[in-house]
Each structure stands twice: as structure tokens, then as C-alpha cells.
Amino acid sequence: MEEEEQDETPLEEPLRIREYSEPRQHETCMVCGQEKEPYILIEYENKAEYTCEECYKKSVGEPVTDVLKCAECGADVEDADDFCGKCGAKQKQNCPDCGERISSKDAFCGKCGAKL
């Protein structure tokens, strides 16, 4: 069986990789193909490609943490956030039974098990 020859022509311009710092709108990740917020911008030969944070961290061996989403608008939120930075929706509340701080997405309290 003949092996296909791969074009190993060097890039004419240098490859540039940098953090994506422009206002974040969902783009197609070049690795997973899903519409996500760009994290890394890769520029080469007058082209720009994007990768999401999860794919980038997997590629460099960093641990990937679950991304929390606002229950109201779907924007990414940090676990420590009390309110969504995009729509202002409250992200955390207290359990009515034990007072433990809970996420607005929880169906049960993680401390006492009360149904929310």
C-alpha cells in the first residue's frame, strides 16, 4: 500500500498564538467544532482560528474545571459569583431548611438534602 505524501511546506508567516482579548462572542472552536467563547486566537497565513478554553487546557495538560452557566441567559459564570455578569440574575441563594448557600441550578441542598 502506498502512503500518501503530506505537504510539509513551511508556513510563510510565523504562527502566532495569543489570548483572545476582544469582546467575547461565540465562535466555532477549531478543535471540538462547537460554538463556544474563544479563549485562544491562532493566526497564520492571514487566517484566524479560535479554540475554546476547555480544548486549549486539554492540549497543554491543564486540569479542566466545569464551566457554570447562568440559569437565565446561559452566560459563563464563576462559582464564586453571586450574580451573572451579563444579565444580573442572582446565581446563589440559601437553603430554606438549613441556610446553606446553594446554586440556583440545584434541585436539592448539598448539605441537608432538602428539596429546593
PDB file of N, CA and C in Angstrom:
ATOM      1  N   MET A   1       0.833  -1.187   0.000  1.00  0.00           N
ATOM      2  CA  MET A   1       0.000   0.000   0.000  1.00  0.00           C
ATOM      3  C   MET A   1       0.871   1.241   0.000  1.00  0.00           C
ATOM      4  N   GLU A   2       0.541   2.170  -0.835  1.00  0.00           N
ATOM      5  CA  GLU A   2       1.316   3.392  -0.901  1.00  0.00           C
ATOM      6  C   GLU A   2       0.842   4.373   0.160  1.00  0.00           C
ATOM      7  N   GLU A   3       1.792   5.022   0.789  1.00  0.00           N
ATOM      8  CA  GLU A   3       1.438   6.047   1.765  1.00  0.00           C
ATOM      9  C   GLU A   3       1.287   7.375   1.053  1.00  0.00           C
ATOM     10  N   GLU A   4       0.296   8.129   1.465  1.00  0.00           N
ATOM     11  CA  GLU A   4       0.108   9.453   0.882  1.00  0.00           C
ATOM     12  C   GLU A   4       1.170  10.393   1.410  1.00  0.00           C
ATOM     13  N   GLU A   5       1.730  11.172   0.517  1.00  0.00           N
ATOM     14  CA  GLU A   5       2.718  12.160   0.946  1.00  0.00           C
ATOM     15  C   GLU A   5       1.986  13.377   1.489  1.00  0.00           C
ATOM     16  N   GLN A   6       2.458  13.847   2.622  1.00  0.00           N
ATOM     17  CA  GLN A   6       1.848  15.033   3.203  1.00  0.00           C
ATOM     18  C   GLN A   6       2.678  16.245   2.838  1.00  0.00           C
ATOM     19  N   ASP A   7       1.993  17.323   2.555  1.00  0.00           N
ATOM     20  CA  ASP A   7       2.662  18.575   2.229  1.00  0.00           C
ATOM     21  C   ASP A   7       3.290  19.141   3.495  1.00  0.00           C
ATOM     22  N   GLU A   8       4.603  19.190   3.533  1.00  0.00           N
ATOM     23  CA  GLU A   8       5.300  19.708   4.699  1.00  0.00           C
ATOM     24  C   GLU A   8       5.949  21.054   4.391  1.00  0.00           C
ATOM     25  N   THR A   9       5.304  21.819   3.535  1.00  0.00           N
ATOM     26  CA  THR A   9       5.795  23.140   3.199  1.00  0.00           C
ATOM     27  C   THR A   9       5.702  24.029   4.424  1.00  0.00           C
ATOM     28  N   PRO A  10       6.805  24.703   4.784  1.00  0.00           N
ATOM     29  CA  PRO A  10       6.735  25.560   5.971  1.00  0.00           C
ATOM     30  C   PRO A  10       5.765  26.721   5.758  1.00  0.00           C
ATOM     31  N   LEU A  11       5.194  27.178   6.853  1.00  0.00           N
ATOM     32  CA  LEU A  11       4.311  28.336   6.800  1.00  0.00           C
ATOM     33  C   LEU A  11       5.101  29.547   6.339  1.00  0.00           C
ATOM     34  N   GLU A  12       4.479  30.360   5.500  1.00  0.00           N
ATOM     35  CA  GLU A  12       5.163  31.544   5.010  1.00  0.00           C
ATOM     36  C   GLU A  12       5.264  32.622   6.077  1.00  0.00           C
ATOM     37  N   GLU A  13       4.277  32.693   6.939  1.00  0.00           N
ATOM     38  CA  GLU A  13       4.292  33.646   8.040  1.00  0.00           C
ATOM     39  C   GLU A  13       4.433  32.868   9.332  1.00  0.00           C
ATOM     40  N   PRO A  14       4.969  33.500  10.360  1.00  0.00           N
ATOM     41  CA  PRO A  14       5.070  32.779  11.633  1.00  0.00           C
ATOM     42  C   PRO A  14       3.689  32.526  12.232  1.00  0.00           C
ATOM     43  N   LEU A  15       3.587  31.455  12.966  1.00  0.00           N
ATOM     44  CA  LEU A  15       2.365  31.114  13.681  1.00  0.00           C
ATOM     45  C   LEU A  15       2.318  31.956  14.941  1.00  0.00           C
ATOM     46  N   ARG A  16       1.204  32.642  15.167  1.00  0.00           N
ATOM     47  CA  ARG A  16       1.050  33.468  16.372  1.00  0.00           C
ATOM     48  C   ARG A  16      -0.097  32.928  17.191  1.00  0.00           C
ATOM     49  N   ILE A  17       0.169  32.696  18.460  1.00  0.00           N
ATOM     50  CA  ILE A  17      -0.851  32.214  19.375  1.00  0.00           C
ATOM     51  C   ILE A  17      -0.948  33.215  20.507  1.00  0.00           C
ATOM     52  N   ARG A  18      -2.160  33.701  20.781  1.00  0.00           N
ATOM     53  CA  ARG A  18      -2.331  34.666  21.855  1.00  0.00           C
ATOM     54  C   ARG A  18      -3.704  34.509  22.476  1.00  0.00           C
ATOM     55  N   GLU A  19      -3.828  35.037  23.711  1.00  0.00           N
ATOM     56  CA  GLU A  19      -5.142  35.015  24.359  1.00  0.00           C
ATOM     57  C   GLU A  19      -6.093  35.877  23.577  1.00  0.00           C
ATOM     58  N   TYR A  20      -7.324  35.443  23.493  1.00  0.00           N
ATOM     59  CA  TYR A  20      -8.355  36.190  22.783  1.00  0.00           C
ATOM     60  C   TYR A  20      -8.861  37.269  23.713  1.00  0.00           C
ATOM     61  N   SER A  21      -8.646  38.534  23.352  1.00  0.00           N
ATOM     62  CA  SER A  21      -8.961  39.625  24.275  1.00  0.00           C
ATOM     63  C   SER A  21     -10.081  40.541  23.786  1.00  0.00           C
ATOM     64  N   GLU A  22     -10.636  40.268  22.631  1.00  0.00           N
ATOM     65  CA  GLU A  22     -11.716  41.106  22.110  1.00  0.00           C
ATOM     66  C   GLU A  22     -13.020  40.748  22.815  1.00  0.00           C
ATOM     67  N   PRO A  23     -14.060  41.571  22.646  1.00  0.00           N
ATOM     68  CA  PRO A  23     -15.342  41.216  23.257  1.00  0.00           C
ATOM     69  C   PRO A  23     -15.728  39.796  22.841  1.00  0.00           C
ATOM     70  N   ARG A  24     -16.151  39.016  23.802  1.00  0.00           N
ATOM     71  CA  ARG A  24     -16.364  37.588  23.557  1.00  0.00           C
ATOM     72  C   ARG A  24     -17.742  37.305  22.965  1.00  0.00           C
ATOM     73  N   GLN A  25     -17.718  36.783  21.761  1.00  0.00           N
ATOM     74  CA  GLN A  25     -18.919  36.283  21.119  1.00  0.00           C
ATOM     75  C   GLN A  25     -18.611  34.841  20.743  1.00  0.00           C
ATOM     76  N   HIS A  26     -19.611  34.007  20.694  1.00  0.00           N
ATOM     77  CA  HIS A  26     -19.368  32.604  20.404  1.00  0.00           C
ATOM     78  C   HIS A  26     -18.838  32.436  18.985  1.00  0.00           C
ATOM     79  N   GLU A  27     -17.814  31.627  18.851  1.00  0.00           N
ATOM     80  CA  GLU A  27     -17.197  31.280  17.576  1.00  0.00           C
ATOM     81  C   GLU A  27     -17.089  29.762  17.536  1.00  0.00           C
ATOM     82  N   THR A  28     -16.805  29.214  16.380  1.00  0.00           N
ATOM     83  CA  THR A  28     -16.621  27.777  16.264  1.00  0.00           C
ATOM     84  C   THR A  28     -15.205  27.415  16.675  1.00  0.00           C
ATOM     85  N   CYS A  29     -15.079  26.547  17.674  1.00  0.00           N
ATOM     86  CA  CYS A  29     -13.776  26.078  18.138  1.00  0.00           C
ATOM     87  C   CYS A  29     -13.171  25.188  17.055  1.00  0.00           C
ATOM     88  N   MET A  30     -11.914  25.439  16.689  1.00  0.00           N
ATOM     89  CA  MET A  30     -11.268  24.663  15.637  1.00  0.00           C
ATOM     90  C   MET A  30     -10.963  23.230  16.075  1.00  0.00           C
ATOM     91  N   VAL A  31     -11.014  22.943  17.368  1.00  0.00           N
ATOM     92  CA  VAL A  31     -10.704  21.608  17.868  1.00  0.00           C
ATOM     93  C   VAL A  31     -11.977  20.769  18.004  1.00  0.00           C
ATOM     94  N   CYS A  32     -12.953  21.262  18.765  1.00  0.00           N
ATOM     95  CA  CYS A  32     -14.161  20.468  19.024  1.00  0.00           C
ATOM     96  C   CYS A  32     -15.306  20.783  18.057  1.00  0.00           C
ATOM     97  N   GLY A  33     -15.219  21.902  17.343  1.00  0.00           N
ATOM     98  CA  GLY A  33     -16.242  22.260  16.370  1.00  0.00           C
ATOM     99  C   GLY A  33     -17.518  22.822  16.959  1.00  0.00           C
ATOM    100  N   GLN A  34     -17.531  23.074  18.278  1.00  0.00           N
ATOM    101  CA  GLN A  34     -18.724  23.605  18.928  1.00  0.00           C
ATOM    102  C   GLN A  34     -18.658  25.123  19.005  1.00  0.00           C
ATOM    103  N   GLU A  35     -19.834  25.740  19.063  1.00  0.00           N
ATOM    104  CA  GLU A  35     -19.919  27.186  19.229  1.00  0.00           C
ATOM    105  C   GLU A  35     -19.665  27.513  20.695  1.00  0.00           C
ATOM    106  N   LYS A  36     -18.523  28.115  20.997  1.00  0.00           N
ATOM    107  CA  LYS A  36     -18.157  28.466  22.364  1.00  0.00           C
ATOM    108  C   LYS A  36     -17.436  29.800  22.357  1.00  0.00           C
ATOM    109  N   GLU A  37     -17.221  30.358  23.560  1.00  0.00           N
ATOM    110  CA  GLU A  37     -16.444  31.591  23.653  1.00  0.00           C
ATOM    111  C   GLU A  37     -15.005  31.300  23.284  1.00  0.00           C
ATOM    112  N   PRO A  38     -14.397  32.113  22.411  1.00  0.00           N
ATOM    113  CA  PRO A  38     -12.992  31.912  22.070  1.00  0.00           C
ATOM    114  C   PRO A  38     -12.097  32.170  23.279  1.00  0.00           C
ATOM    115  N   TYR A  39     -11.052  31.375  23.418  1.00  0.00           N
ATOM    116  CA  TYR A  39     -10.108  31.531  24.522  1.00  0.00           C
ATOM    117  C   TYR A  39      -8.719  31.847  23.970  1.00  0.00           C
ATOM    118  N   ILE A  40      -8.321  31.144  22.934  1.00  0.00           N
ATOM    119  CA  ILE A  40      -7.021  31.349  22.302  1.00  0.00           C
ATOM    120  C   ILE A  40      -7.243  31.651  20.829  1.00  0.00           C
ATOM    121  N   LEU A  41      -6.527  32.639  20.320  1.00  0.00           N
ATOM    122  CA  LEU A  41      -6.574  33.014  18.910  1.00  0.00           C
ATOM    123  C   LEU A  41      -5.285  32.526  18.261  1.00  0.00           C
ATOM    124  N   ILE A  42      -5.397  31.799  17.172  1.00  0.00           N
ATOM    125  CA  ILE A  42      -4.239  31.297  16.441  1.00  0.00           C
ATOM    126  C   ILE A  42      -4.272  31.940  15.065  1.00  0.00           C
ATOM    127  N   GLU A  43      -3.227  32.701  14.743  1.00  0.00           N
ATOM    128  CA  GLU A  43      -3.168  33.399  13.463  1.00  0.00           C
ATOM    129  C   GLU A  43      -2.028  32.835  12.618  1.00  0.00           C
ATOM    130  N   TYR A  44      -2.329  32.545  11.358  1.00  0.00           N
ATOM    131  CA  TYR A  44      -1.315  32.080  10.425  1.00  0.00           C
ATOM    132  C   TYR A  44      -1.814  32.292   9.003  1.00  0.00           C
ATOM    133  N   GLU A  45      -0.896  32.612   8.105  1.00  0.00           N
ATOM    134  CA  GLU A  45      -1.205  32.803   6.690  1.00  0.00           C
ATOM    135  C   GLU A  45      -2.494  33.590   6.452  1.00  0.00           C
ATOM    136  N   ASN A  46      -2.620  34.717   7.120  1.00  0.00           N
ATOM    137  CA  ASN A  46      -3.786  35.595   7.004  1.00  0.00           C
ATOM    138  C   ASN A  46      -5.097  34.925   7.397  1.00  0.00           C
ATOM    139  N   LYS A  47      -5.029  33.912   8.238  1.00  0.00           N
ATOM    140  CA  LYS A  47      -6.221  33.243   8.748  1.00  0.00           C
ATOM    141  C   LYS A  47      -6.228  33.385  10.262  1.00  0.00           C
ATOM    142  N   ALA A  48      -7.410  33.333  10.832  1.00  0.00           N
ATOM    143  CA  ALA A  48      -7.551  33.354  12.295  1.00  0.00           C
ATOM    144  C   ALA A  48      -8.444  32.193  12.694  1.00  0.00           C
ATOM    145  N   GLU A  49      -7.964  31.384  13.606  1.00  0.00           N
ATOM    146  CA  GLU A  49      -8.730  30.256  14.136  1.00  0.00           C
ATOM    147  C   GLU A  49      -8.844  30.444  15.636  1.00  0.00           C
ATOM    148  N   TYR A  50      -9.868  29.867  16.216  1.00  0.00           N
ATOM    149  CA  TYR A  50     -10.111  30.013  17.646  1.00  0.00           C
ATOM    150  C   TYR A  50     -10.194  28.644  18.289  1.00  0.00           C
ATOM    151  N   THR A  51      -9.810  28.579  19.560  1.00  0.00           N
ATOM    152  CA  THR A  51     -10.036  27.378  20.352  1.00  0.00           C
ATOM    153  C   THR A  51     -10.682  27.797  21.663  1.00  0.00           C
ATOM    154  N   CYS A  52     -11.549  26.931  22.161  1.00  0.00           N
ATOM    155  CA  CYS A  52     -12.222  27.232  23.420  1.00  0.00           C
ATOM    156  C   CYS A  52     -11.275  26.916  24.589  1.00  0.00           C
ATOM    157  N   GLU A  53     -11.631  27.388  25.772  1.00  0.00           N
ATOM    158  CA  GLU A  53     -10.785  27.196  26.945  1.00  0.00           C
ATOM    159  C   GLU A  53     -10.606  25.717  27.274  1.00  0.00           C
ATOM    160  N   GLU A  54     -11.678  24.947  27.183  1.00  0.00           N
ATOM    161  CA  GLU A  54     -11.600  23.529  27.523  1.00  0.00           C
ATOM    162  C   GLU A  54     -10.628  22.792  26.595  1.00  0.00           C
ATOM    163  N   CYS A  55     -10.720  23.019  25.292  1.00  0.00           N
ATOM    164  CA  CYS A  55      -9.830  22.342  24.344  1.00  0.00           C
ATOM    165  C   CYS A  55      -8.386  22.791  24.528  1.00  0.00           C
ATOM    166  N   TYR A  56      -8.179  24.084  24.775  1.00  0.00           N
ATOM    167  CA  TYR A  56      -6.822  24.574  24.987  1.00  0.00           C
ATOM    168  C   TYR A  56      -6.202  23.929  26.225  1.00  0.00           C
ATOM    169  N   LYS A  57      -6.952  23.919  27.333  1.00  0.00           N
ATOM    170  CA  LYS A  57      -6.403  23.354  28.567  1.00  0.00           C
ATOM    171  C   LYS A  57      -6.108  21.867  28.421  1.00  0.00           C
ATOM    172  N   LYS A  58      -6.957  21.151  27.699  1.00  0.00           N
ATOM    173  CA  LYS A  58      -6.684  19.732  27.453  1.00  0.00           C
ATOM    174  C   LYS A  58      -5.386  19.576  26.663  1.00  0.00           C
ATOM    175  N   SER A  59      -5.158  20.457  25.690  1.00  0.00           N
ATOM    176  CA  SER A  59      -3.980  20.333  24.829  1.00  0.00           C
ATOM    177  C   SER A  59      -2.673  20.618  25.561  1.00  0.00           C
ATOM    178  N   VAL A  60      -2.720  21.419  26.616  1.00  0.00           N
ATOM    179  CA  VAL A  60      -1.493  21.741  27.358  1.00  0.00           C
ATOM    180  C   VAL A  60      -1.425  21.014  28.695  1.00  0.00           C
ATOM    181  N   GLY A  61      -2.378  20.125  28.949  1.00  0.00           N
ATOM    182  CA  GLY A  61      -2.340  19.305  30.148  1.00  0.00           C
ATOM    183  C   GLY A  61      -2.819  19.978  31.418  1.00  0.00           C
ATOM    184  N   GLU A  62      -3.523  21.109  31.305  1.00  0.00           N
ATOM    185  CA  GLU A  62      -4.077  21.773  32.491  1.00  0.00           C
ATOM    186  C   GLU A  62      -5.388  21.103  32.869  1.00  0.00           C
ATOM    187  N   PRO A  63      -5.703  21.070  34.159  1.00  0.00           N
ATOM    188  CA  PRO A  63      -6.995  20.500  34.550  1.00  0.00           C
ATOM    189  C   PRO A  63      -8.138  21.368  34.038  1.00  0.00           C
ATOM    190  N   VAL A  64      -9.182  20.719  33.605  1.00  0.00           N
ATOM    191  CA  VAL A  64     -10.355  21.431  33.091  1.00  0.00           C
ATOM    192  C   VAL A  64     -11.429  21.414  34.168  1.00  0.00           C
ATOM    193  N   THR A  65     -11.922  22.596  34.516  1.00  0.00           N
ATOM    194  CA  THR A  65     -12.985  22.683  35.507  1.00  0.00           C
ATOM    195  C   THR A  65     -14.311  22.860  34.789  1.00  0.00           C
ATOM    196  N   ASP A  66     -15.371  22.406  35.415  1.00  0.00           N
ATOM    197  CA  ASP A  66     -16.691  22.573  34.826  1.00  0.00           C
ATOM    198  C   ASP A  66     -17.028  24.051  34.733  1.00  0.00           C
ATOM    199  N   VAL A  67     -17.566  24.447  33.600  1.00  0.00           N
ATOM    200  CA  VAL A  67     -17.978  25.826  33.407  1.00  0.00           C
ATOM    201  C   VAL A  67     -19.432  25.933  33.850  1.00  0.00           C
ATOM    202  N   LEU A  68     -19.702  26.841  34.759  1.00  0.00           N
ATOM    203  CA  LEU A  68     -21.068  27.067  35.215  1.00  0.00           C
ATOM    204  C   LEU A  68     -21.748  28.037  34.274  1.00  0.00           C
ATOM    205  N   LYS A  69     -23.017  27.833  34.060  1.00  0.00           N
ATOM    206  CA  LYS A  69     -23.810  28.687  33.173  1.00  0.00           C
ATOM    207  C   LYS A  69     -24.923  29.349  33.963  1.00  0.00           C
ATOM    208  N   CYS A  70     -25.217  30.584  33.612  1.00  0.00           N
ATOM    209  CA  CYS A  70     -26.339  31.298  34.222  1.00  0.00           C
ATOM    210  C   CYS A  70     -27.633  30.600  33.807  1.00  0.00           C
ATOM    211  N   ALA A  71     -28.505  30.342  34.776  1.00  0.00           N
ATOM    212  CA  ALA A  71     -29.775  29.676  34.501  1.00  0.00           C
ATOM    213  C   ALA A  71     -30.702  30.561  33.665  1.00  0.00           C
ATOM    214  N   GLU A  72     -30.497  31.869  33.701  1.00  0.00           N
ATOM    215  CA  GLU A  72     -31.371  32.792  32.970  1.00  0.00           C
ATOM    216  C   GLU A  72     -30.937  33.007  31.521  1.00  0.00           C
ATOM    217  N   CYS A  73     -29.644  33.325  31.307  1.00  0.00           N
ATOM    218  CA  CYS A  73     -29.201  33.704  29.958  1.00  0.00           C
ATOM    219  C   CYS A  73     -28.177  32.757  29.336  1.00  0.00           C
ATOM    220  N   GLY A  74     -27.612  31.834  30.135  1.00  0.00           N
ATOM    221  CA  GLY A  74     -26.657  30.870  29.599  1.00  0.00           C
ATOM    222  C   GLY A  74     -25.215  31.336  29.556  1.00  0.00           C
ATOM    223  N   ALA A  75     -24.934  32.548  30.037  1.00  0.00           N
ATOM    224  CA  ALA A  75     -23.556  33.060  30.039  1.00  0.00           C
ATOM    225  C   ALA A  75     -22.713  32.284  31.054  1.00  0.00           C
ATOM    226  N   ASP A  76     -21.407  32.216  30.819  1.00  0.00           N
ATOM    227  CA  ASP A  76     -20.496  31.588  31.769  1.00  0.00           C
ATOM    228  C   ASP A  76     -20.432  32.422  33.038  1.00  0.00           C
ATOM    229  N   VAL A  77     -20.469  31.756  34.191  1.00  0.00           N
ATOM    230  CA  VAL A  77     -20.332  32.429  35.482  1.00  0.00           C
ATOM    231  C   VAL A  77     -19.334  31.649  36.332  1.00  0.00           C
ATOM    232  N   GLU A  78     -18.647  32.342  37.199  1.00  0.00           N
ATOM    233  CA  GLU A  78     -17.723  31.716  38.133  1.00  0.00           C
ATOM    234  C   GLU A  78     -18.511  31.180  39.319  1.00  0.00           C
ATOM    235  N   ASP A  79     -17.992  30.147  39.956  1.00  0.00           N
ATOM    236  CA  ASP A  79     -18.668  29.556  41.102  1.00  0.00           C
ATOM    237  C   ASP A  79     -18.849  30.578  42.226  1.00  0.00           C
ATOM    238  N   ALA A  80     -17.911  31.499  42.366  1.00  0.00           N
ATOM    239  CA  ALA A  80     -17.974  32.487  43.444  1.00  0.00           C
ATOM    240  C   ALA A  80     -18.917  33.653  43.131  1.00  0.00           C
ATOM    241  N   ASP A  81     -19.398  33.746  41.888  1.00  0.00           N
ATOM    242  CA  ASP A  81     -20.267  34.862  41.512  1.00  0.00           C
ATOM    243  C   ASP A  81     -21.638  34.758  42.173  1.00  0.00           C
ATOM    244  N   ASP A  82     -22.087  35.869  42.742  1.00  0.00           N
ATOM    245  CA  ASP A  82     -23.439  35.930  43.298  1.00  0.00           C
ATOM    246  C   ASP A  82     -24.460  36.294  42.228  1.00  0.00           C
ATOM    247  N   PHE A  83     -24.013  37.041  41.216  1.00  0.00           N
ATOM    248  CA  PHE A  83     -24.896  37.490  40.148  1.00  0.00           C
ATOM    249  C   PHE A  83     -24.215  37.271  38.802  1.00  0.00           C
ATOM    250  N   CYS A  84     -25.006  37.088  37.764  1.00  0.00           N
ATOM    251  CA  CYS A  84     -24.487  36.935  36.401  1.00  0.00           C
ATOM    252  C   CYS A  84     -23.948  38.272  35.920  1.00  0.00           C
ATOM    253  N   GLY A  85     -22.757  38.260  35.341  1.00  0.00           N
ATOM    254  CA  GLY A  85     -22.154  39.477  34.824  1.00  0.00           C
ATOM    255  C   GLY A  85     -22.811  39.974  33.551  1.00  0.00           C
ATOM    256  N   LYS A  86     -23.605  39.134  32.896  1.00  0.00           N
ATOM    257  CA  LYS A  86     -24.247  39.539  31.652  1.00  0.00           C
ATOM    258  C   LYS A  86     -25.671  40.048  31.871  1.00  0.00           C
ATOM    259  N   CYS A  87     -26.489  39.279  32.616  1.00  0.00           N
ATOM    260  CA  CYS A  87     -27.902  39.671  32.762  1.00  0.00           C
ATOM    261  C   CYS A  87     -28.270  40.122  34.173  1.00  0.00           C
ATOM    262  N   GLY A  88     -27.374  39.918  35.141  1.00  0.00           N
ATOM    263  CA  GLY A  88     -27.636  40.357  36.502  1.00  0.00           C
ATOM    264  C   GLY A  88     -28.463  39.405  37.352  1.00  0.00           C
ATOM    265  N   ALA A  89     -28.796  38.220  36.803  1.00  0.00           N
ATOM    266  CA  ALA A  89     -29.611  37.266  37.558  1.00  0.00           C
ATOM    267  C   ALA A  89     -28.840  36.728  38.759  1.00  0.00           C
ATOM    268  N   LYS A  90     -29.557  36.563  39.871  1.00  0.00           N
ATOM    269  CA  LYS A  90     -28.951  36.029  41.085  1.00  0.00           C
ATOM    270  C   LYS A  90     -28.541  34.580  40.837  1.00  0.00           C
ATOM    271  N   GLN A  91     -27.305  34.235  41.204  1.00  0.00           N
ATOM    272  CA  GLN A  91     -26.784  32.902  40.950  1.00  0.00           C
ATOM    273  C   GLN A  91     -26.816  31.999  42.176  1.00  0.00           C
ATOM    274  N   LYS A  92     -26.815  32.566  43.341  1.00  0.00           N
ATOM    275  CA  LYS A  92     -26.786  31.763  44.566  1.00  0.00           C
ATOM    276  C   LYS A  92     -27.936  32.190  45.471  1.00  0.00           C
ATOM    277  N   GLN A  93     -28.379  31.261  46.279  1.00  0.00           N
ATOM    278  CA  GLN A  93     -29.406  31.550  47.269  1.00  0.00           C
ATOM    279  C   GLN A  93     -29.123  30.683  48.484  1.00  0.00           C
ATOM    280  N   ASN A  94     -29.948  30.761  49.485  1.00  0.00           N
ATOM    281  CA  ASN A  94     -29.771  29.956  50.692  1.00  0.00           C
ATOM    282  C   ASN A  94     -30.862  28.909  50.791  1.00  0.00           C
ATOM    283  N   CYS A  95     -30.493  27.738  51.315  1.00  0.00           N
ATOM    284  CA  CYS A  95     -31.450  26.661  51.534  1.00  0.00           C
ATOM    285  C   CYS A  95     -32.478  27.118  52.564  1.00  0.00           C
ATOM    286  N   PRO A  96     -33.758  26.933  52.292  1.00  0.00           N
ATOM    287  CA  PRO A  96     -34.781  27.366  53.251  1.00  0.00           C
ATOM    288  C   PRO A  96     -34.783  26.538  54.543  1.00  0.00           C
ATOM    289  N   ASP A  97     -34.229  25.320  54.509  1.00  0.00           N
ATOM    290  CA  ASP A  97     -34.223  24.471  55.704  1.00  0.00           C
ATOM    291  C   ASP A  97     -33.011  24.720  56.600  1.00  0.00           C
ATOM    292  N   CYS A  98     -31.803  24.734  56.009  1.00  0.00           N
ATOM    293  CA  CYS A  98     -30.594  24.818  56.841  1.00  0.00           C
ATOM    294  C   CYS A  98     -29.805  26.118  56.664  1.00  0.00           C
ATOM    295  N   GLY A  99     -30.138  26.912  55.643  1.00  0.00           N
ATOM    296  CA  GLY A  99     -29.445  28.174  55.429  1.00  0.00           C
ATOM    297  C   GLY A  99     -28.163  28.069  54.632  1.00  0.00           C
ATOM    298  N   GLU A 100     -27.778  26.852  54.222  1.00  0.00           N
ATOM    299  CA  GLU A 100     -26.563  26.653  53.424  1.00  0.00           C
ATOM    300  C   GLU A 100     -26.692  27.393  52.094  1.00  0.00           C
ATOM    301  N   ARG A 101     -25.583  27.964  51.631  1.00  0.00           N
ATOM    302  CA  ARG A 101     -25.585  28.663  50.345  1.00  0.00           C
ATOM    303  C   ARG A 101     -25.645  27.634  49.224  1.00  0.00           C
ATOM    304  N   ILE A 102     -26.563  27.832  48.285  1.00  0.00           N
ATOM    305  CA  ILE A 102     -26.761  26.886  47.193  1.00  0.00           C
ATOM    306  C   ILE A 102     -26.823  27.616  45.862  1.00  0.00           C
ATOM    307  N   SER A 103     -26.627  26.890  44.798  1.00  0.00           N
ATOM    308  CA  SER A 103     -26.712  27.439  43.452  1.00  0.00           C
ATOM    309  C   SER A 103     -28.172  27.479  43.014  1.00  0.00           C
ATOM    310  N   SER A 104     -28.486  28.404  42.130  1.00  0.00           N
ATOM    311  CA  SER A 104     -29.854  28.497  41.620  1.00  0.00           C
ATOM    312  C   SER A 104     -30.199  27.290  40.747  1.00  0.00           C
ATOM    313  N   LYS A 105     -29.201  26.529  40.322  1.00  0.00           N
ATOM    314  CA  LYS A 105     -29.440  25.349  39.486  1.00  0.00           C
ATOM    315  C   LYS A 105     -29.693  24.088  40.300  1.00  0.00           C
ATOM    316  N   ASP A 106     -29.391  24.111  41.603  1.00  0.00           N
ATOM    317  CA  ASP A 106     -29.542  22.922  42.442  1.00  0.00           C
ATOM    318  C   ASP A 106     -31.011  22.563  42.626  1.00  0.00           C
ATOM    319  N   ALA A 107     -31.285  21.258  42.600  1.00  0.00           N
ATOM    320  CA  ALA A 107     -32.633  20.759  42.877  1.00  0.00           C
ATOM    321  C   ALA A 107     -32.751  20.347  44.341  1.00  0.00           C
ATOM    322  N   PHE A 108     -31.606  20.043  44.963  1.00  0.00           N
ATOM    323  CA  PHE A 108     -31.576  19.648  46.375  1.00  0.00           C
ATOM    324  C   PHE A 108     -30.394  20.335  47.048  1.00  0.00           C
ATOM    325  N   CYS A 109     -30.505  20.577  48.325  1.00  0.00           N
ATOM    326  CA  CYS A 109     -29.419  21.161  49.113  1.00  0.00           C
ATOM    327  C   CYS A 109     -28.317  20.125  49.279  1.00  0.00           C
ATOM    328  N   GLY A 110     -27.075  20.548  49.060  1.00  0.00           N
ATOM    329  CA  GLY A 110     -25.936  19.649  49.199  1.00  0.00           C
ATOM    330  C   GLY A 110     -25.574  19.338  50.642  1.00  0.00           C
ATOM    331  N   LYS A 111     -26.061  20.133  51.573  1.00  0.00           N
ATOM    332  CA  LYS A 111     -25.741  19.920  52.999  1.00  0.00           C
ATOM    333  C   LYS A 111     -26.814  19.079  53.702  1.00  0.00           C
ATOM    334  N   CYS A 112     -28.096  19.467  53.567  1.00  0.00           N
ATOM    335  CA  CYS A 112     -29.149  18.767  54.312  1.00  0.00           C
ATOM    336  C   CYS A 112     -30.041  17.896  53.429  1.00  0.00           C
ATOM    337  N   GLY A 113     -29.930  18.032  52.131  1.00  0.00           N
ATOM    338  CA  GLY A 113     -30.720  17.199  51.219  1.00  0.00           C
ATOM    339  C   GLY A 113     -32.135  17.690  50.981  1.00  0.00           C
ATOM    340  N   ALA A 114     -32.457  18.860  51.495  1.00  0.00           N
ATOM    341  CA  ALA A 114     -33.825  19.390  51.307  1.00  0.00           C
ATOM    342  C   ALA A 114     -34.099  19.633  49.830  1.00  0.00           C
ATOM    343  N   LYS A 115     -35.306  19.303  49.396  1.00  0.00           N
ATOM    344  CA  LYS A 115     -35.717  19.593  48.026  1.00  0.00           C
ATOM    345  C   LYS A 115     -35.937  21.094  47.904  1.00  0.00           C
ATOM    346  N   LEU A 116     -35.416  21.663  46.862  1.00  0.00           N
ATOM    347  CA  LEU A 116     -35.499  23.122  46.688  1.00  0.00           C
ATOM    348  C   LEU A 116     -36.604  23.483  45.697  1.00  0.00           C
TER     349      LEU A 116
END
